[in-house]
């Protein structure tokens, strides 16, 4: 079993490594809360490969992404958006409701045991754990509450003309 003790994240390199480890731990459920879809973190080939693997793994796999503001990702050509547009029902991206405009965190929850949390979602500093069921459960509950009050991010629709 993975270590339930949270480990610190101090810089961009550690953040990428922790992100990859948490994402790779997911088998059935993956929740992502992001400020701007983190271009340079969430649109890297290893992340996209993991997401594709999860999408193909089972039709029962649940992947959900909540974003506060997708405009920077759209402007930067974030590849995660292209993946979402290819399979919107399997990789839904919702916009965080205006009621949560003060939400600053960014986090990832993998199944019922792995998580990565950055209290300031615009900074790399934070912590992660790969075997912390109580921590994962708390973040998953917070995500599900935010998700229930959010809606699809209409700025990410693909317009087929």
C-alpha atoms as a PDB file:
ATOM      1  CA  UNK A   1       0.000   0.000   0.000  1.00  0.00           C
ATOM      2  CA  UNK A   2       1.163   3.529  -0.726  1.00  0.00           C
ATOM      3  CA  UNK A   3       2.324   5.854   2.012  1.00  0.00           C
ATOM      4  CA  UNK A   4      -0.582   7.758   3.615  1.00  0.00           C
ATOM      5  CA  UNK A   5       1.702  10.501   4.955  1.00  0.00           C
ATOM      6  CA  UNK A   6       1.438  13.717   2.903  1.00  0.00           C
ATOM      7  CA  UNK A   7       4.659  14.779   1.213  1.00  0.00           C
ATOM      8  CA  UNK A   8       5.533  18.403   0.445  1.00  0.00           C
ATOM      9  CA  UNK A   9       5.728  19.946  -3.011  1.00  0.00           C
ATOM     10  CA  UNK A  10       8.046  22.927  -3.258  1.00  0.00           C
ATOM     11  CA  UNK A  11       8.711  23.700  -6.905  1.00  0.00           C
ATOM     12  CA  UNK A  12       7.502  23.088 -10.475  1.00  0.00           C
ATOM     13  CA  UNK A  13       9.577  19.922 -10.926  1.00  0.00           C
ATOM     14  CA  UNK A  14       8.204  18.360  -7.748  1.00  0.00           C
ATOM     15  CA  UNK A  15       4.702  19.448  -8.775  1.00  0.00           C
ATOM     16  CA  UNK A  16       4.971  17.692 -12.153  1.00  0.00           C
ATOM     17  CA  UNK A  17       6.324  14.519 -10.515  1.00  0.00           C
ATOM     18  CA  UNK A  18       3.589  14.517  -7.852  1.00  0.00           C
ATOM     19  CA  UNK A  19       0.903  15.216 -10.461  1.00  0.00           C
ATOM     20  CA  UNK A  20       2.075  12.294 -12.596  1.00  0.00           C
ATOM     21  CA  UNK A  21       2.191   9.964  -9.571  1.00  0.00           C
ATOM     22  CA  UNK A  22      -1.315  10.866  -8.387  1.00  0.00           C
ATOM     23  CA  UNK A  23      -2.803  10.640 -11.881  1.00  0.00           C
ATOM     24  CA  UNK A  24      -1.106   7.279 -12.499  1.00  0.00           C
ATOM     25  CA  UNK A  25      -2.667   5.948  -9.273  1.00  0.00           C
ATOM     26  CA  UNK A  26      -6.206   6.483 -10.612  1.00  0.00           C
ATOM     27  CA  UNK A  27      -8.159   3.474 -11.856  1.00  0.00           C
ATOM     28  CA  UNK A  28     -11.856   4.350 -11.516  1.00  0.00           C
ATOM     29  CA  UNK A  29     -12.252   8.016 -10.591  1.00  0.00           C
ATOM     30  CA  UNK A  30     -10.299  11.191 -11.153  1.00  0.00           C
ATOM     31  CA  UNK A  31     -11.342  14.655 -10.046  1.00  0.00           C
ATOM     32  CA  UNK A  32      -9.389  17.773 -10.973  1.00  0.00           C
ATOM     33  CA  UNK A  33     -10.037  21.304  -9.685  1.00  0.00           C
ATOM     34  CA  UNK A  34      -7.902  23.872 -11.463  1.00  0.00           C
ATOM     35  CA  UNK A  35      -7.720  27.629 -11.611  1.00  0.00           C
ATOM     36  CA  UNK A  36      -6.797  27.837 -15.335  1.00  0.00           C
ATOM     37  CA  UNK A  37      -6.273  24.223 -16.533  1.00  0.00           C
ATOM     38  CA  UNK A  38      -2.598  24.657 -15.663  1.00  0.00           C
ATOM     39  CA  UNK A  39      -0.958  24.883 -19.079  1.00  0.00           C
ATOM     40  CA  UNK A  40       2.446  23.279 -18.631  1.00  0.00           C
ATOM     41  CA  UNK A  41       1.139  20.851 -16.017  1.00  0.00           C
ATOM     42  CA  UNK A  42      -2.119  19.305 -17.217  1.00  0.00           C
ATOM     43  CA  UNK A  43      -1.478  19.476 -20.965  1.00  0.00           C
ATOM     44  CA  UNK A  44       1.817  17.540 -20.981  1.00  0.00           C
ATOM     45  CA  UNK A  45       2.042  14.269 -22.954  1.00  0.00           C
ATOM     46  CA  UNK A  46       2.376  12.040 -19.832  1.00  0.00           C
ATOM     47  CA  UNK A  47      -0.820  13.538 -18.379  1.00  0.00           C
ATOM     48  CA  UNK A  48      -2.742  13.268 -21.642  1.00  0.00           C
ATOM     49  CA  UNK A  49      -1.582   9.646 -22.022  1.00  0.00           C
ATOM     50  CA  UNK A  50      -2.827   8.805 -18.514  1.00  0.00           C
ATOM     51  CA  UNK A  51      -6.169  10.472 -19.198  1.00  0.00           C
ATOM     52  CA  UNK A  52      -6.573   8.585 -22.490  1.00  0.00           C
ATOM     53  CA  UNK A  53      -5.730   5.321 -20.745  1.00  0.00           C
ATOM     54  CA  UNK A  54      -8.394   6.016 -18.125  1.00  0.00           C
ATOM     55  CA  UNK A  55     -10.963   6.963 -20.759  1.00  0.00           C
ATOM     56  CA  UNK A  56     -10.302   3.733 -22.657  1.00  0.00           C
ATOM     57  CA  UNK A  57     -10.096   1.572 -19.526  1.00  0.00           C
ATOM     58  CA  UNK A  58     -13.831   1.346 -18.839  1.00  0.00           C
ATOM     59  CA  UNK A  59     -17.005   3.182 -19.637  1.00  0.00           C
ATOM     60  CA  UNK A  60     -17.562   3.320 -15.877  1.00  0.00           C
ATOM     61  CA  UNK A  61     -14.421   5.333 -15.209  1.00  0.00           C
ATOM     62  CA  UNK A  62     -15.373   8.789 -13.971  1.00  0.00           C
ATOM     63  CA  UNK A  63     -13.177  11.740 -14.992  1.00  0.00           C
ATOM     64  CA  UNK A  64     -14.314  15.252 -14.093  1.00  0.00           C
ATOM     65  CA  UNK A  65     -12.504  18.567 -14.377  1.00  0.00           C
ATOM     66  CA  UNK A  66     -13.610  21.825 -12.781  1.00  0.00           C
ATOM     67  CA  UNK A  67     -11.977  25.059 -13.899  1.00  0.00           C
ATOM     68  CA  UNK A  68     -12.339  28.547 -12.506  1.00  0.00           C
ATOM     69  CA  UNK A  69     -11.348  30.369 -15.722  1.00  0.00           C
ATOM     70  CA  UNK A  70     -10.551  28.545 -18.955  1.00  0.00           C
ATOM     71  CA  UNK A  71      -9.670  31.680 -20.985  1.00  0.00           C
ATOM     72  CA  UNK A  72      -5.874  31.398 -20.418  1.00  0.00           C
ATOM     73  CA  UNK A  73      -5.944  27.728 -21.464  1.00  0.00           C
ATOM     74  CA  UNK A  74      -7.958  28.529 -24.591  1.00  0.00           C
ATOM     75  CA  UNK A  75      -5.557  31.344 -25.455  1.00  0.00           C
ATOM     76  CA  UNK A  76      -2.510  29.101 -24.894  1.00  0.00           C
ATOM     77  CA  UNK A  77      -3.889  26.227 -26.980  1.00  0.00           C
ATOM     78  CA  UNK A  78      -3.978  23.826 -24.021  1.00  0.00           C
ATOM     79  CA  UNK A  79      -4.060  20.245 -25.389  1.00  0.00           C
ATOM     80  CA  UNK A  80      -6.347  19.122 -22.585  1.00  0.00           C
ATOM     81  CA  UNK A  81      -9.102  21.193 -24.212  1.00  0.00           C
ATOM     82  CA  UNK A  82      -8.587  19.382 -27.520  1.00  0.00           C
ATOM     83  CA  UNK A  83      -8.902  16.039 -25.720  1.00  0.00           C
ATOM     84  CA  UNK A  84     -12.077  17.235 -23.998  1.00  0.00           C
ATOM     85  CA  UNK A  85     -13.526  18.312 -27.350  1.00  0.00           C
ATOM     86  CA  UNK A  86     -12.820  14.864 -28.822  1.00  0.00           C
ATOM     87  CA  UNK A  87     -14.577  13.033 -25.983  1.00  0.00           C
ATOM     88  CA  UNK A  88     -16.709  15.558 -24.067  1.00  0.00           C
ATOM     89  CA  UNK A  89     -18.935  12.935 -22.458  1.00  0.00           C
ATOM     90  CA  UNK A  90     -15.931  10.999 -21.124  1.00  0.00           C
ATOM     91  CA  UNK A  91     -13.885  14.030 -20.036  1.00  0.00           C
ATOM     92  CA  UNK A  92     -16.360  16.708 -18.965  1.00  0.00           C
ATOM     93  CA  UNK A  93     -15.008  20.119 -18.038  1.00  0.00           C
ATOM     94  CA  UNK A  94     -17.270  22.355 -15.974  1.00  0.00           C
ATOM     95  CA  UNK A  95     -16.809  25.972 -15.059  1.00  0.00           C
ATOM     96  CA  UNK A  96     -16.814  26.704 -11.347  1.00  0.00           C
ATOM     97  CA  UNK A  97     -19.994  28.524 -10.315  1.00  0.00           C
ATOM     98  CA  UNK A  98     -19.733  32.251  -9.607  1.00  0.00           C
ATOM     99  CA  UNK A  99     -20.692  31.497  -5.991  1.00  0.00           C
ATOM    100  CA  UNK A 100     -17.181  30.091  -5.624  1.00  0.00           C
ATOM    101  CA  UNK A 101     -15.246  33.015  -7.087  1.00  0.00           C
ATOM    102  CA  UNK A 102     -13.056  33.078  -3.968  1.00  0.00           C
ATOM    103  CA  UNK A 103     -11.964  29.424  -4.394  1.00  0.00           C
ATOM    104  CA  UNK A 104      -8.142  29.504  -4.609  1.00  0.00           C
ATOM    105  CA  UNK A 105      -7.250  25.837  -4.243  1.00  0.00           C
ATOM    106  CA  UNK A 106      -6.235  23.458  -6.974  1.00  0.00           C
ATOM    107  CA  UNK A 107      -6.385  19.732  -6.326  1.00  0.00           C
ATOM    108  CA  UNK A 108      -6.515  16.281  -7.864  1.00  0.00           C
ATOM    109  CA  UNK A 109      -8.209  13.261  -6.308  1.00  0.00           C
ATOM    110  CA  UNK A 110      -7.445   9.766  -7.603  1.00  0.00           C
ATOM    111  CA  UNK A 111      -9.936   7.076  -6.614  1.00  0.00           C
ATOM    112  CA  UNK A 112     -10.321   6.906  -2.843  1.00  0.00           C
ATOM    113  CA  UNK A 113      -6.683   7.120  -1.823  1.00  0.00           C
ATOM    114  CA  UNK A 114      -4.531   9.584  -3.785  1.00  0.00           C
ATOM    115  CA  UNK A 115      -4.566  13.361  -3.799  1.00  0.00           C
ATOM    116  CA  UNK A 116      -2.550  16.461  -4.580  1.00  0.00           C
ATOM    117  CA  UNK A 117      -3.470  19.810  -3.014  1.00  0.00           C
ATOM    118  CA  UNK A 118      -2.152  23.306  -3.680  1.00  0.00           C
ATOM    119  CA  UNK A 119      -3.758  25.838  -1.308  1.00  0.00           C
ATOM    120  CA  UNK A 120      -2.915  28.605  -3.794  1.00  0.00           C
ATOM    121  CA  UNK A 121      -3.761  27.054  -7.137  1.00  0.00           C
ATOM    122  CA  UNK A 122      -1.542  29.512  -8.979  1.00  0.00           C
ATOM    123  CA  UNK A 123       1.608  28.477  -7.090  1.00  0.00           C
ATOM    124  CA  UNK A 124       3.417  25.121  -7.207  1.00  0.00           C
ATOM    125  CA  UNK A 125       3.678  24.710  -3.423  1.00  0.00           C
ATOM    126  CA  UNK A 126       1.470  22.115  -1.803  1.00  0.00           C
ATOM    127  CA  UNK A 127       1.422  18.492  -0.753  1.00  0.00           C
ATOM    128  CA  UNK A 128       0.325  15.077  -1.980  1.00  0.00           C
ATOM    129  CA  UNK A 129      -0.297  11.554  -0.730  1.00  0.00           C
ATOM    130  CA  UNK A 130      -0.896   8.232  -2.448  1.00  0.00           C
ATOM    131  CA  UNK A 131      -2.472   6.216   0.364  1.00  0.00           C
ATOM    132  CA  UNK A 132      -4.465   8.697   2.414  1.00  0.00           C
ATOM    133  CA  UNK A 133      -8.105   7.600   2.308  1.00  0.00           C
ATOM    134  CA  UNK A 134      -9.422  10.240   4.757  1.00  0.00           C
ATOM    135  CA  UNK A 135      -7.659  13.040   2.872  1.00  0.00           C
ATOM    136  CA  UNK A 136      -8.905  11.763  -0.483  1.00  0.00           C
ATOM    137  CA  UNK A 137     -12.448  11.416   0.866  1.00  0.00           C
ATOM    138  CA  UNK A 138     -12.490  14.990   2.166  1.00  0.00           C
ATOM    139  CA  UNK A 139     -11.251  16.434  -1.123  1.00  0.00           C
ATOM    140  CA  UNK A 140     -13.625  14.229  -3.146  1.00  0.00           C
ATOM    141  CA  UNK A 141     -16.579  15.447  -1.059  1.00  0.00           C
ATOM    142  CA  UNK A 142     -15.515  19.071  -1.599  1.00  0.00           C
ATOM    143  CA  UNK A 143     -15.168  18.440  -5.337  1.00  0.00           C
ATOM    144  CA  UNK A 144     -18.577  16.768  -5.607  1.00  0.00           C
ATOM    145  CA  UNK A 145     -20.195  19.734  -3.850  1.00  0.00           C
ATOM    146  CA  UNK A 146     -18.530  22.174  -6.250  1.00  0.00           C
ATOM    147  CA  UNK A 147     -19.384  19.975  -9.254  1.00  0.00           C
ATOM    148  CA  UNK A 148     -23.064  19.771  -8.282  1.00  0.00           C
ATOM    149  CA  UNK A 149     -23.276  23.562  -8.399  1.00  0.00           C
ATOM    150  CA  UNK A 150     -21.298  24.033 -11.603  1.00  0.00           C
ATOM    151  CA  UNK A 151     -22.129  23.653 -15.259  1.00  0.00           C
ATOM    152  CA  UNK A 152     -20.412  22.890 -18.544  1.00  0.00           C
ATOM    153  CA  UNK A 153     -17.837  25.463 -19.630  1.00  0.00           C
ATOM    154  CA  UNK A 154     -19.476  26.739 -22.812  1.00  0.00           C
ATOM    155  CA  UNK A 155     -16.255  28.489 -23.901  1.00  0.00           C
ATOM    156  CA  UNK A 156     -14.781  25.034 -24.560  1.00  0.00           C
ATOM    157  CA  UNK A 157     -17.432  23.827 -27.002  1.00  0.00           C
ATOM    158  CA  UNK A 158     -16.198  22.759 -30.394  1.00  0.00           C
ATOM    159  CA  UNK A 159     -18.063  24.578 -33.112  1.00  0.00           C
ATOM    160  CA  UNK A 160     -18.379  22.371 -36.183  1.00  0.00           C
ATOM    161  CA  UNK A 161     -19.243  24.602 -39.083  1.00  0.00           C
END
